[in-house]
Amino acid sequence: VAASMAQIASAYPTAGGLYHWGSILGGKGWGW
């Protein structure tokens, strides 16, 4: 899980992490 999260974090290093990843990759509803 950590490795998968780390790969996404490397592409999108922002505060809020998972929220941004979910929004960018799955749409704003998924991120919300």
PDB file of all heavy atoms in Angstrom:
ATOM      1  N   VAL A   1       0.835  -1.199   0.000  1.00  0.00           N
ATOM      2  CA  VAL A   1       0.000   0.000   0.000  1.00  0.00           C
ATOM      3  C   VAL A   1       0.872   1.251   0.000  1.00  0.00           C
ATOM      4  O   VAL A   1       0.627   2.210  -0.738  1.00  0.00           O
ATOM      5  CB  VAL A   1      -0.947   0.002   1.219  1.00  0.00           C
ATOM      6  CG1 VAL A   1      -1.683   1.329   1.324  1.00  0.00           C
ATOM      7  CG2 VAL A   1      -1.949  -1.138   1.108  1.00  0.00           C
ATOM      8  N   ALA A   2       1.918   1.247   0.849  1.00  0.00           N
ATOM      9  CA  ALA A   2       2.808   2.401   0.946  1.00  0.00           C
ATOM     10  C   ALA A   2       3.502   2.686  -0.381  1.00  0.00           C
ATOM     11  O   ALA A   2       3.639   3.845  -0.799  1.00  0.00           O
ATOM     12  CB  ALA A   2       3.845   2.174   2.045  1.00  0.00           C
ATOM     13  N   ALA A   3       3.952   1.631  -1.056  1.00  0.00           N
ATOM     14  CA  ALA A   3       4.644   1.809  -2.340  1.00  0.00           C
ATOM     15  C   ALA A   3       3.695   2.396  -3.381  1.00  0.00           C
ATOM     16  O   ALA A   3       4.079   3.275  -4.169  1.00  0.00           O
ATOM     17  CB  ALA A   3       5.205   0.473  -2.818  1.00  0.00           C
ATOM     18  N   SER A   4       2.454   1.920  -3.413  1.00  0.00           N
ATOM     19  CA  SER A   4       1.472   2.446  -4.361  1.00  0.00           C
ATOM     20  C   SER A   4       1.166   3.911  -4.072  1.00  0.00           C
ATOM     21  O   SER A   4       1.071   4.737  -4.990  1.00  0.00           O
ATOM     22  CB  SER A   4       0.184   1.616  -4.296  1.00  0.00           C
ATOM     23  OG  SER A   4       0.423   0.287  -4.708  1.00  0.00           O
ATOM     24  N   MET A   5       1.020   4.243  -2.794  1.00  0.00           N
ATOM     25  CA  MET A   5       0.769   5.630  -2.414  1.00  0.00           C
ATOM     26  C   MET A   5       1.973   6.501  -2.731  1.00  0.00           C
ATOM     27  O   MET A   5       1.836   7.648  -3.166  1.00  0.00           O
ATOM     28  CB  MET A   5       0.421   5.711  -0.928  1.00  0.00           C
ATOM     29  CG  MET A   5      -0.969   5.190  -0.600  1.00  0.00           C
ATOM     30  SD  MET A   5      -1.308   5.066   1.180  1.00  0.00           S
ATOM     31  CE  MET A   5      -1.004   6.752   1.712  1.00  0.00           C
ATOM     32  N   ALA A   6       3.173   5.963  -2.514  1.00  0.00           N
ATOM     33  CA  ALA A   6       4.394   6.730  -2.757  1.00  0.00           C
ATOM     34  C   ALA A   6       4.529   7.112  -4.224  1.00  0.00           C
ATOM     35  O   ALA A   6       4.967   8.218  -4.559  1.00  0.00           O
ATOM     36  CB  ALA A   6       5.610   5.920  -2.310  1.00  0.00           C
ATOM     37  N   GLN A   7       4.146   6.199  -5.117  1.00  0.00           N
ATOM     38  CA  GLN A   7       4.233   6.490  -6.544  1.00  0.00           C
ATOM     39  C   GLN A   7       3.311   7.650  -6.917  1.00  0.00           C
ATOM     40  O   GLN A   7       3.694   8.538  -7.685  1.00  0.00           O
ATOM     41  CB  GLN A   7       3.860   5.250  -7.353  1.00  0.00           C
ATOM     42  CG  GLN A   7       3.865   5.486  -8.851  1.00  0.00           C
ATOM     43  CD  GLN A   7       3.583   4.225  -9.640  1.00  0.00           C
ATOM     44  OE1 GLN A   7       4.386   3.786 -10.451  1.00  0.00           O
ATOM     45  NE2 GLN A   7       2.415   3.630  -9.416  1.00  0.00           N
ATOM     46  N   ILE A   8       2.091   7.655  -6.355  1.00  0.00           N
ATOM     47  CA  ILE A   8       1.158   8.742  -6.663  1.00  0.00           C
ATOM     48  C   ILE A   8       1.631  10.045  -6.026  1.00  0.00           C
ATOM     49  O   ILE A   8       1.541  11.119  -6.629  1.00  0.00           O
ATOM     50  CB  ILE A   8      -0.260   8.386  -6.168  1.00  0.00           C
ATOM     51  CG1 ILE A   8      -0.713   7.050  -6.750  1.00  0.00           C
ATOM     52  CG2 ILE A   8      -1.251   9.478  -6.573  1.00  0.00           C
ATOM     53  CD1 ILE A   8      -2.050   6.560  -6.209  1.00  0.00           C
ATOM     54  N   ALA A   9       2.170   9.935  -4.800  1.00  0.00           N
ATOM     55  CA  ALA A   9       2.670  11.128  -4.108  1.00  0.00           C
ATOM     56  C   ALA A   9       3.814  11.778  -4.864  1.00  0.00           C
ATOM     57  O   ALA A   9       3.970  13.003  -4.847  1.00  0.00           O
ATOM     58  CB  ALA A   9       3.118  10.761  -2.697  1.00  0.00           C
ATOM     59  N   SER A  10       4.618  10.978  -5.518  1.00  0.00           N
ATOM     60  CA  SER A  10       5.738  11.511  -6.283  1.00  0.00           C
ATOM     61  C   SER A  10       5.255  12.340  -7.470  1.00  0.00           C
ATOM     62  O   SER A  10       5.891  13.326  -7.865  1.00  0.00           O
ATOM     63  CB  SER A  10       6.620  10.362  -6.782  1.00  0.00           C
ATOM     64  OG  SER A  10       7.762  10.850  -7.460  1.00  0.00           O
ATOM     65  N   ALA A  11       4.117  11.957  -8.023  1.00  0.00           N
ATOM     66  CA  ALA A  11       3.553  12.697  -9.160  1.00  0.00           C
ATOM     67  C   ALA A  11       2.798  13.930  -8.703  1.00  0.00           C
ATOM     68  O   ALA A  11       2.796  14.953  -9.392  1.00  0.00           O
ATOM     69  CB  ALA A  11       2.625  11.781  -9.962  1.00  0.00           C
ATOM     70  N   TYR A  12       2.153  13.849  -7.523  1.00  0.00           N
ATOM     71  CA  TYR A  12       1.318  14.951  -7.027  1.00  0.00           C
ATOM     72  C   TYR A  12       1.649  15.252  -5.569  1.00  0.00           C
ATOM     73  O   TYR A  12       0.890  14.900  -4.656  1.00  0.00           O
ATOM     74  CB  TYR A  12      -0.168  14.593  -7.161  1.00  0.00           C
ATOM     75  CG  TYR A  12      -0.558  14.109  -8.539  1.00  0.00           C
ATOM     76  CD1 TYR A  12      -0.861  12.771  -8.772  1.00  0.00           C
ATOM     77  CD2 TYR A  12      -0.595  14.996  -9.619  1.00  0.00           C
ATOM     78  CE1 TYR A  12      -1.210  12.327 -10.037  1.00  0.00           C
ATOM     79  CE2 TYR A  12      -0.938  14.561 -10.887  1.00  0.00           C
ATOM     80  CZ  TYR A  12      -1.242  13.224 -11.101  1.00  0.00           C
ATOM     81  OH  TYR A  12      -1.579  12.792 -12.360  1.00  0.00           O
ATOM     82  N   PRO A  13       2.789  15.909  -5.320  1.00  0.00           N
ATOM     83  CA  PRO A  13       3.215  16.180  -3.941  1.00  0.00           C
ATOM     84  C   PRO A  13       2.558  17.429  -3.353  1.00  0.00           C
ATOM     85  O   PRO A  13       3.147  18.517  -3.325  1.00  0.00           O
ATOM     86  CB  PRO A  13       4.729  16.368  -4.086  1.00  0.00           C
ATOM     87  CG  PRO A  13       4.905  16.934  -5.464  1.00  0.00           C
ATOM     88  CD  PRO A  13       3.811  16.331  -6.300  1.00  0.00           C
ATOM     89  N   THR A  14       1.304  17.290  -2.920  1.00  0.00           N
ATOM     90  CA  THR A  14       0.593  18.417  -2.330  1.00  0.00           C
ATOM     91  C   THR A  14       0.087  18.058  -0.944  1.00  0.00           C
ATOM     92  O   THR A  14      -0.128  16.881  -0.625  1.00  0.00           O
ATOM     93  CB  THR A  14      -0.638  18.817  -3.168  1.00  0.00           C
ATOM     94  OG1 THR A  14      -1.557  17.716  -3.199  1.00  0.00           O
ATOM     95  CG2 THR A  14      -0.246  19.185  -4.578  1.00  0.00           C
ATOM     96  N   ALA A  15      -0.138  19.093  -0.116  1.00  0.00           N
ATOM     97  CA  ALA A  15      -0.830  18.891   1.152  1.00  0.00           C
ATOM     98  C   ALA A  15      -2.208  18.346   0.844  1.00  0.00           C
ATOM     99  O   ALA A  15      -2.812  18.682  -0.175  1.00  0.00           O
ATOM    100  CB  ALA A  15      -0.944  20.221   1.906  1.00  0.00           C
ATOM    101  N   GLY A  16      -2.721  17.498   1.701  1.00  0.00           N
ATOM    102  CA  GLY A  16      -4.021  16.889   1.427  1.00  0.00           C
ATOM    103  C   GLY A  16      -3.907  15.583   0.698  1.00  0.00           C
ATOM    104  O   GLY A  16      -4.880  14.832   0.609  1.00  0.00           O
ATOM    105  N   GLY A  17      -2.709  15.319   0.173  1.00  0.00           N
ATOM    106  CA  GLY A  17      -2.393  14.028  -0.425  1.00  0.00           C
ATOM    107  C   GLY A  17      -3.530  13.267  -1.062  1.00  0.00           C
ATOM    108  O   GLY A  17      -3.862  13.482  -2.230  1.00  0.00           O
ATOM    109  N   LEU A  18      -4.139  12.379  -0.283  1.00  0.00           N
ATOM    110  CA  LEU A  18      -5.102  11.430  -0.837  1.00  0.00           C
ATOM    111  C   LEU A  18      -6.302  12.102  -1.489  1.00  0.00           C
ATOM    112  O   LEU A  18      -6.843  11.590  -2.473  1.00  0.00           O
ATOM    113  CB  LEU A  18      -5.578  10.474   0.270  1.00  0.00           C
ATOM    114  CG  LEU A  18      -4.514   9.497   0.762  1.00  0.00           C
ATOM    115  CD1 LEU A  18      -3.735  10.092   1.920  1.00  0.00           C
ATOM    116  CD2 LEU A  18      -5.135   8.185   1.169  1.00  0.00           C
ATOM    117  N   TYR A  19      -6.711  13.234  -0.948  1.00  0.00           N
ATOM    118  CA  TYR A  19      -7.836  13.970  -1.535  1.00  0.00           C
ATOM    119  C   TYR A  19      -7.509  14.402  -2.968  1.00  0.00           C
ATOM    120  O   TYR A  19      -8.317  14.232  -3.893  1.00  0.00           O
ATOM    121  CB  TYR A  19      -8.174  15.179  -0.661  1.00  0.00           C
ATOM    122  CG  TYR A  19      -8.728  16.361  -1.413  1.00  0.00           C
ATOM    123  CD1 TYR A  19      -9.954  16.272  -2.072  1.00  0.00           C
ATOM    124  CD2 TYR A  19      -8.028  17.570  -1.475  1.00  0.00           C
ATOM    125  CE1 TYR A  19     -10.466  17.356  -2.776  1.00  0.00           C
ATOM    126  CE2 TYR A  19      -8.537  18.652  -2.171  1.00  0.00           C
ATOM    127  CZ  TYR A  19      -9.751  18.537  -2.826  1.00  0.00           C
ATOM    128  OH  TYR A  19     -10.246  19.607  -3.524  1.00  0.00           O
ATOM    129  N   HIS A  20      -6.313  14.959  -3.146  1.00  0.00           N
ATOM    130  CA  HIS A  20      -5.918  15.396  -4.486  1.00  0.00           C
ATOM    131  C   HIS A  20      -5.753  14.203  -5.420  1.00  0.00           C
ATOM    132  O   HIS A  20      -6.188  14.240  -6.575  1.00  0.00           O
ATOM    133  CB  HIS A  20      -4.599  16.179  -4.427  1.00  0.00           C
ATOM    134  CG  HIS A  20      -4.745  17.541  -3.844  1.00  0.00           C
ATOM    135  ND1 HIS A  20      -4.316  17.858  -2.579  1.00  0.00           N
ATOM    136  CD2 HIS A  20      -5.290  18.670  -4.350  1.00  0.00           C
ATOM    137  CE1 HIS A  20      -4.583  19.130  -2.338  1.00  0.00           C
ATOM    138  NE2 HIS A  20      -5.171  19.637  -3.394  1.00  0.00           N
ATOM    139  N   TRP A  21      -5.138  13.147  -4.937  1.00  0.00           N
ATOM    140  CA  TRP A  21      -4.924  11.972  -5.775  1.00  0.00           C
ATOM    141  C   TRP A  21      -6.257  11.405  -6.235  1.00  0.00           C
ATOM    142  O   TRP A  21      -6.431  11.077  -7.410  1.00  0.00           O
ATOM    143  CB  TRP A  21      -4.154  10.890  -5.026  1.00  0.00           C
ATOM    144  CG  TRP A  21      -2.896  11.366  -4.362  1.00  0.00           C
ATOM    145  CD1 TRP A  21      -2.188  12.502  -4.633  1.00  0.00           C
ATOM    146  CD2 TRP A  21      -2.203  10.701  -3.304  1.00  0.00           C
ATOM    147  NE1 TRP A  21      -1.097  12.587  -3.812  1.00  0.00           N
ATOM    148  CE2 TRP A  21      -1.076  11.507  -2.983  1.00  0.00           C
ATOM    149  CE3 TRP A  21      -2.398   9.529  -2.590  1.00  0.00           C
ATOM    150  CZ2 TRP A  21      -0.163  11.164  -1.986  1.00  0.00           C
ATOM    151  CZ3 TRP A  21      -1.497   9.166  -1.605  1.00  0.00           C
ATOM    152  CH2 TRP A  21      -0.393   9.980  -1.311  1.00  0.00           C
ATOM    153  N   GLY A  22      -7.199  11.277  -5.278  1.00  0.00           N
ATOM    154  CA  GLY A  22      -8.507  10.743  -5.628  1.00  0.00           C
ATOM    155  C   GLY A  22      -9.226  11.619  -6.642  1.00  0.00           C
ATOM    156  O   GLY A  22      -9.869  11.119  -7.568  1.00  0.00           O
ATOM    157  N   SER A  23      -9.101  12.948  -6.481  1.00  0.00           N
ATOM    158  CA  SER A  23      -9.774  13.887  -7.387  1.00  0.00           C
ATOM    159  C   SER A  23      -9.158  13.863  -8.780  1.00  0.00           C
ATOM    160  O   SER A  23      -9.864  13.841  -9.798  1.00  0.00           O
ATOM    161  CB  SER A  23      -9.697  15.306  -6.820  1.00  0.00           C
ATOM    162  OG  SER A  23     -10.335  15.392  -5.573  1.00  0.00           O
ATOM    163  N   ILE A  24      -7.829  13.881  -8.828  1.00  0.00           N
ATOM    164  CA  ILE A  24      -7.140  13.935 -10.111  1.00  0.00           C
ATOM    165  C   ILE A  24      -7.310  12.638 -10.894  1.00  0.00           C
ATOM    166  O   ILE A  24      -7.514  12.647 -12.115  1.00  0.00           O
ATOM    167  CB  ILE A  24      -5.642  14.245  -9.893  1.00  0.00           C
ATOM    168  CG1 ILE A  24      -5.477  15.662  -9.311  1.00  0.00           C
ATOM    169  CG2 ILE A  24      -4.862  14.110 -11.201  1.00  0.00           C
ATOM    170  CD1 ILE A  24      -4.084  15.956  -8.803  1.00  0.00           C
ATOM    171  N   LEU A  25      -7.251  11.511 -10.198  1.00  0.00           N
ATOM    172  CA  LEU A  25      -7.295  10.208 -10.872  1.00  0.00           C
ATOM    173  C   LEU A  25      -8.701   9.646 -11.012  1.00  0.00           C
ATOM    174  O   LEU A  25      -8.961   8.864 -11.933  1.00  0.00           O
ATOM    175  CB  LEU A  25      -6.425   9.204 -10.101  1.00  0.00           C
ATOM    176  CG  LEU A  25      -4.942   9.577  -9.954  1.00  0.00           C
ATOM    177  CD1 LEU A  25      -4.225   8.556  -9.073  1.00  0.00           C
ATOM    178  CD2 LEU A  25      -4.272   9.661 -11.323  1.00  0.00           C
ATOM    179  N   GLY A  26      -9.606  10.030 -10.099  1.00  0.00           N
ATOM    180  CA  GLY A  26     -10.937   9.437 -10.114  1.00  0.00           C
ATOM    181  C   GLY A  26     -12.082  10.416 -10.280  1.00  0.00           C
ATOM    182  O   GLY A  26     -13.243  10.007 -10.272  1.00  0.00           O
ATOM    183  N   GLY A  27     -11.778  11.700 -10.376  1.00  0.00           N
ATOM    184  CA  GLY A  27     -12.831  12.698 -10.503  1.00  0.00           C
ATOM    185  C   GLY A  27     -13.095  13.377  -9.177  1.00  0.00           C
ATOM    186  O   GLY A  27     -12.808  12.843  -8.110  1.00  0.00           O
ATOM    187  N   LYS A  28     -13.697  14.575  -9.232  1.00  0.00           N
ATOM    188  CA  LYS A  28     -13.843  15.377  -8.019  1.00  0.00           C
ATOM    189  C   LYS A  28     -14.761  14.717  -6.983  1.00  0.00           C
ATOM    190  O   LYS A  28     -14.559  14.871  -5.781  1.00  0.00           O
ATOM    191  CB  LYS A  28     -14.336  16.783  -8.355  1.00  0.00           C
ATOM    192  CG  LYS A  28     -15.777  16.870  -8.862  1.00  0.00           C
ATOM    193  CD  LYS A  28     -16.210  18.326  -9.038  1.00  0.00           C
ATOM    194  CE  LYS A  28     -17.696  18.413  -9.416  1.00  0.00           C
ATOM    195  NZ  LYS A  28     -18.145  19.821  -9.535  1.00  0.00           N
ATOM    196  N   GLY A  29     -15.763  13.964  -7.431  1.00  0.00           N
ATOM    197  CA  GLY A  29     -16.645  13.272  -6.497  1.00  0.00           C
ATOM    198  C   GLY A  29     -15.920  12.192  -5.734  1.00  0.00           C
ATOM    199  O   GLY A  29     -16.106  12.024  -4.519  1.00  0.00           O
ATOM    200  N   TRP A  30     -15.090  11.447  -6.443  1.00  0.00           N
ATOM    201  CA  TRP A  30     -14.285  10.387  -5.826  1.00  0.00           C
ATOM    202  C   TRP A  30     -13.290  10.998  -4.837  1.00  0.00           C
ATOM    203  O   TRP A  30     -13.089  10.472  -3.741  1.00  0.00           O
ATOM    204  CB  TRP A  30     -13.560   9.612  -6.917  1.00  0.00           C
ATOM    205  CG  TRP A  30     -12.929   8.319  -6.483  1.00  0.00           C
ATOM    206  CD1 TRP A  30     -11.604   8.043  -6.381  1.00  0.00           C
ATOM    207  CD2 TRP A  30     -13.605   7.102  -6.137  1.00  0.00           C
ATOM    208  NE1 TRP A  30     -11.398   6.750  -5.986  1.00  0.00           N
ATOM    209  CE2 TRP A  30     -12.619   6.144  -5.834  1.00  0.00           C
ATOM    210  CE3 TRP A  30     -14.955   6.744  -6.053  1.00  0.00           C
ATOM    211  CZ2 TRP A  30     -12.930   4.841  -5.447  1.00  0.00           C
ATOM    212  CZ3 TRP A  30     -15.264   5.434  -5.668  1.00  0.00           C
ATOM    213  CH2 TRP A  30     -14.261   4.501  -5.371  1.00  0.00           C
ATOM    214  N   GLY A  31     -12.698  12.127  -5.227  1.00  0.00           N
ATOM    215  CA  GLY A  31     -11.759  12.804  -4.336  1.00  0.00           C
ATOM    216  C   GLY A  31     -12.442  13.379  -3.114  1.00  0.00           C
ATOM    217  O   GLY A  31     -11.891  13.332  -2.006  1.00  0.00           O
ATOM    218  N   TRP A  32     -13.653  13.918  -3.295  1.00  0.00           N
ATOM    219  CA  TRP A  32     -14.420  14.476  -2.173  1.00  0.00           C
ATOM    220  C   TRP A  32     -14.742  13.397  -1.153  1.00  0.00           C
ATOM    221  O   TRP A  32     -14.596  13.592   0.052  1.00  0.00           O
ATOM    222  CB  TRP A  32     -15.695  15.111  -2.726  1.00  0.00           C
ATOM    223  CG  TRP A  32     -16.541  15.845  -1.727  1.00  0.00           C
ATOM    224  CD1 TRP A  32     -16.378  17.117  -1.293  1.00  0.00           C
ATOM    225  CD2 TRP A  32     -17.713  15.337  -1.070  1.00  0.00           C
ATOM    226  NE1 TRP A  32     -17.360  17.453  -0.390  1.00  0.00           N
ATOM    227  CE2 TRP A  32     -18.201  16.372  -0.236  1.00  0.00           C
ATOM    228  CE3 TRP A  32     -18.391  14.113  -1.105  1.00  0.00           C
ATOM    229  CZ2 TRP A  32     -19.337  16.215   0.557  1.00  0.00           C
ATOM    230  CZ3 TRP A  32     -19.526  13.962  -0.315  1.00  0.00           C
ATOM    231  CH2 TRP A  32     -19.981  15.008   0.504  1.00  0.00           C
TER     232      TRP A  32
END
